[in-house]
Amino acid sequence: MAYLEALILGLIQGLTEFLPVSSSGHLVLIQQLGVGEKSLVFNLMLHVATLFAVCLVYRKKLLYLIKNPKSKELRFLLLATLPTIVIALLMRLYVDIMSERILPFGFMVTTVFLIFGSLNWKKQKQMDYSTALLTGVAQGLAVIGGISRSGSTICTQIIMGQDKEQAGDFAFLLSIPIILGSAVVELVAFKGFERVDVGPLILGMIAAFLSGALAIKLFLRALKSRKLLPFAAYTFILSIVSFVLFF
């Protein structure tokens, strides 16, 4: 993979990881259009770079959770991670999650999530176990290309009554164990490094980290303004475009 292509893919990954538009879907789409190579491992490592961005932005919160391992918030995060692991592993073993054939439907699922997340739902002040569990299921489904992790998890919480800003914080923190776990499984169990050029990978990760940190800030502001429908319109267009391209 050329360095310029890796830079482009890294920037796209970072900018779209925390916006509800599916970073993995964008990577599949642009790779199918001839930029870079289709590589699950390269994409996962770009996700790891954005993981570093999450850790940077939420460093104070992470430090609090480490110092308070019995906190209720940490229990909710752990509970939500369990169904994610099961679903993600099953998908990895039995479904071509990076297939361009899945992409149009994944984008459409994201569109539906965002539309429902834009509606006015009855608010609840505190996270509960059922909300955490359903959020974990939504994140598990988001391993499929085109389904946004942030969009599915945040909208699931909104539908269950969570405040949008709190939903955003929980979704970003919840991404940490699954991104890290997915990278470890792929690189160790599936010997991913054998298929990746290290130089372009490092450049792509740096670009993803910097643009990812910026995207987190931008999306948190978007959540405050309560505007999700523009993202829904965008993923709907992507669904149509990818359907025309691949069918």
Foldseek 3Di string as FASTA:
>chain_A
DDLVLLLVLLQLLQQCQLFQFFSLQVSLVVVVVPRDHDAPLLSLLSVVLLLVLLCVVCVVVVVVCVVVVPDPLNVLLVLLQVLLVVLQVVCVVPPPLSDLVCQLVLLLVLLVLLVLLLDQAAADEDDDNVLSNQLSNQLSVSSRHNHHNLSSNLSSNVNVHYQNLVSSNSSSVSSNVVSVVVNCCCCPVVVRVVPDDPVSSVSSSVSSNVSNNVNSVVVSVVSVVSDRNVSSVVSNVVSVVSVVVPD
